[in-house]
């Protein structure tokens, strides 16, 4: 489950202050800083533009870095303040 404090989750296209949707970075080569657009069309950057707050992913066995990044309706990152990274091991 994905969540965010102090913001409202709405579908992509809704560009309002303190509103946006989640992005999941899976073993992404770099973080997305505030003001940068989350890349599209790359498997390591997953967009949840329908305002989804849950998903299931399959990972190859081994260690992986998952970063949940909140961005506005135009996929522009809110940066480090709205980002959380964890490391998991898939078997």
C-alpha atoms as a PDB file:
ATOM      1  CA  UNK A   1       0.000   0.000   0.000  1.00  0.00           C
ATOM      2  CA  UNK A   2       1.222   3.485  -0.878  1.00  0.00           C
ATOM      3  CA  UNK A   3       0.426   6.540   1.186  1.00  0.00           C
ATOM      4  CA  UNK A   4       1.333  10.173   1.620  1.00  0.00           C
ATOM      5  CA  UNK A   5       0.901  12.690   4.451  1.00  0.00           C
ATOM      6  CA  UNK A   6      -0.152  16.286   3.855  1.00  0.00           C
ATOM      7  CA  UNK A   7      -1.045  15.775   0.195  1.00  0.00           C
ATOM      8  CA  UNK A   8      -4.103  14.666  -1.755  1.00  0.00           C
ATOM      9  CA  UNK A   9      -3.909  11.776  -4.227  1.00  0.00           C
ATOM     10  CA  UNK A  10      -5.644  12.510  -7.553  1.00  0.00           C
ATOM     11  CA  UNK A  11      -5.195  11.205 -11.112  1.00  0.00           C
ATOM     12  CA  UNK A  12      -2.515  12.548 -13.438  1.00  0.00           C
ATOM     13  CA  UNK A  13      -3.511  15.723 -15.220  1.00  0.00           C
ATOM     14  CA  UNK A  14      -4.733  17.371 -12.018  1.00  0.00           C
ATOM     15  CA  UNK A  15      -2.167  20.116 -11.379  1.00  0.00           C
ATOM     16  CA  UNK A  16      -3.021  21.765  -8.077  1.00  0.00           C
ATOM     17  CA  UNK A  17      -0.998  22.676  -5.019  1.00  0.00           C
ATOM     18  CA  UNK A  18      -0.429  19.718  -2.646  1.00  0.00           C
ATOM     19  CA  UNK A  19      -2.014  17.260  -5.116  1.00  0.00           C
ATOM     20  CA  UNK A  20      -0.438  14.440  -7.099  1.00  0.00           C
ATOM     21  CA  UNK A  21       0.043  10.723  -7.526  1.00  0.00           C
ATOM     22  CA  UNK A  22       2.606   8.034  -6.741  1.00  0.00           C
ATOM     23  CA  UNK A  23       5.554   6.766  -8.754  1.00  0.00           C
ATOM     24  CA  UNK A  24       7.574   3.665  -7.890  1.00  0.00           C
ATOM     25  CA  UNK A  25      11.228   3.631  -8.839  1.00  0.00           C
ATOM     26  CA  UNK A  26      12.557   0.064  -9.021  1.00  0.00           C
ATOM     27  CA  UNK A  27      16.360  -0.143  -9.018  1.00  0.00           C
ATOM     28  CA  UNK A  28      16.319   3.237 -10.746  1.00  0.00           C
ATOM     29  CA  UNK A  29      19.742   4.592 -11.700  1.00  0.00           C
ATOM     30  CA  UNK A  30      18.993   7.939 -10.018  1.00  0.00           C
ATOM     31  CA  UNK A  31      16.462   9.727  -7.841  1.00  0.00           C
ATOM     32  CA  UNK A  32      14.127  12.366  -9.281  1.00  0.00           C
ATOM     33  CA  UNK A  33      14.799  15.735  -7.662  1.00  0.00           C
ATOM     34  CA  UNK A  34      12.217  18.416  -6.913  1.00  0.00           C
ATOM     35  CA  UNK A  35      11.095  20.114 -10.116  1.00  0.00           C
ATOM     36  CA  UNK A  36      12.264  17.247 -12.372  1.00  0.00           C
ATOM     37  CA  UNK A  37       9.816  15.124 -14.348  1.00  0.00           C
ATOM     38  CA  UNK A  38       9.619  11.426 -13.485  1.00  0.00           C
ATOM     39  CA  UNK A  39      10.767   9.560 -16.634  1.00  0.00           C
ATOM     40  CA  UNK A  40       8.131   7.733 -18.651  1.00  0.00           C
ATOM     41  CA  UNK A  41       8.489   4.689 -20.874  1.00  0.00           C
ATOM     42  CA  UNK A  42      11.162   3.078 -18.709  1.00  0.00           C
ATOM     43  CA  UNK A  43      10.368  -0.080 -16.761  1.00  0.00           C
ATOM     44  CA  UNK A  44      12.209   1.112 -13.639  1.00  0.00           C
ATOM     45  CA  UNK A  45       9.884   4.131 -13.305  1.00  0.00           C
ATOM     46  CA  UNK A  46       6.282   3.033 -12.661  1.00  0.00           C
ATOM     47  CA  UNK A  47       3.544   5.675 -12.823  1.00  0.00           C
ATOM     48  CA  UNK A  48       0.290   5.358 -10.882  1.00  0.00           C
ATOM     49  CA  UNK A  49      -1.518   8.116 -12.761  1.00  0.00           C
ATOM     50  CA  UNK A  50      -4.971   6.757 -12.015  1.00  0.00           C
ATOM     51  CA  UNK A  51      -4.364   7.626  -8.340  1.00  0.00           C
ATOM     52  CA  UNK A  52      -3.771   3.994  -7.367  1.00  0.00           C
ATOM     53  CA  UNK A  53      -2.548   3.400  -3.834  1.00  0.00           C
ATOM     54  CA  UNK A  54      -1.890  -0.351  -4.135  1.00  0.00           C
ATOM     55  CA  UNK A  55      -0.009  -2.567  -6.559  1.00  0.00           C
ATOM     56  CA  UNK A  56       1.677  -5.947  -6.875  1.00  0.00           C
ATOM     57  CA  UNK A  57       5.077  -6.247  -8.526  1.00  0.00           C
ATOM     58  CA  UNK A  58       7.276  -9.206  -9.391  1.00  0.00           C
ATOM     59  CA  UNK A  59      10.976  -8.885  -8.778  1.00  0.00           C
ATOM     60  CA  UNK A  60      13.806 -11.151  -9.865  1.00  0.00           C
ATOM     61  CA  UNK A  61      15.530 -12.943  -6.986  1.00  0.00           C
ATOM     62  CA  UNK A  62      18.057 -10.749  -5.218  1.00  0.00           C
ATOM     63  CA  UNK A  63      18.387  -7.352  -3.584  1.00  0.00           C
ATOM     64  CA  UNK A  64      16.346  -4.423  -4.932  1.00  0.00           C
ATOM     65  CA  UNK A  65      15.924  -0.745  -4.116  1.00  0.00           C
ATOM     66  CA  UNK A  66      12.348   0.581  -4.168  1.00  0.00           C
ATOM     67  CA  UNK A  67      11.661   4.300  -3.994  1.00  0.00           C
ATOM     68  CA  UNK A  68       8.164   5.709  -3.654  1.00  0.00           C
ATOM     69  CA  UNK A  69       8.121   9.222  -5.132  1.00  0.00           C
ATOM     70  CA  UNK A  70       5.135  11.555  -5.018  1.00  0.00           C
ATOM     71  CA  UNK A  71       4.785  13.973  -7.941  1.00  0.00           C
ATOM     72  CA  UNK A  72       2.193  16.416  -9.219  1.00  0.00           C
ATOM     73  CA  UNK A  73      -0.351  15.788 -11.962  1.00  0.00           C
ATOM     74  CA  UNK A  74       2.233  16.607 -14.630  1.00  0.00           C
ATOM     75  CA  UNK A  75       4.637  14.006 -13.126  1.00  0.00           C
ATOM     76  CA  UNK A  76       6.899  16.732 -11.715  1.00  0.00           C
ATOM     77  CA  UNK A  77       8.561  15.441  -8.555  1.00  0.00           C
ATOM     78  CA  UNK A  78       8.030  17.028  -5.161  1.00  0.00           C
ATOM     79  CA  UNK A  79      11.559  15.796  -4.412  1.00  0.00           C
ATOM     80  CA  UNK A  80      13.158  14.386  -1.309  1.00  0.00           C
ATOM     81  CA  UNK A  81      10.473  15.615   1.098  1.00  0.00           C
ATOM     82  CA  UNK A  82       7.924  13.346  -0.648  1.00  0.00           C
ATOM     83  CA  UNK A  83      10.184  10.341  -1.236  1.00  0.00           C
ATOM     84  CA  UNK A  84      10.909   7.157   0.721  1.00  0.00           C
ATOM     85  CA  UNK A  85      13.406   4.437  -0.224  1.00  0.00           C
ATOM     86  CA  UNK A  86      13.681   0.877   1.061  1.00  0.00           C
ATOM     87  CA  UNK A  87      15.842  -2.119   0.148  1.00  0.00           C
ATOM     88  CA  UNK A  88      14.223  -5.537  -0.177  1.00  0.00           C
ATOM     89  CA  UNK A  89      15.465  -9.025  -0.980  1.00  0.00           C
ATOM     90  CA  UNK A  90      13.294 -11.117  -3.304  1.00  0.00           C
ATOM     91  CA  UNK A  91      13.540 -14.897  -3.212  1.00  0.00           C
END
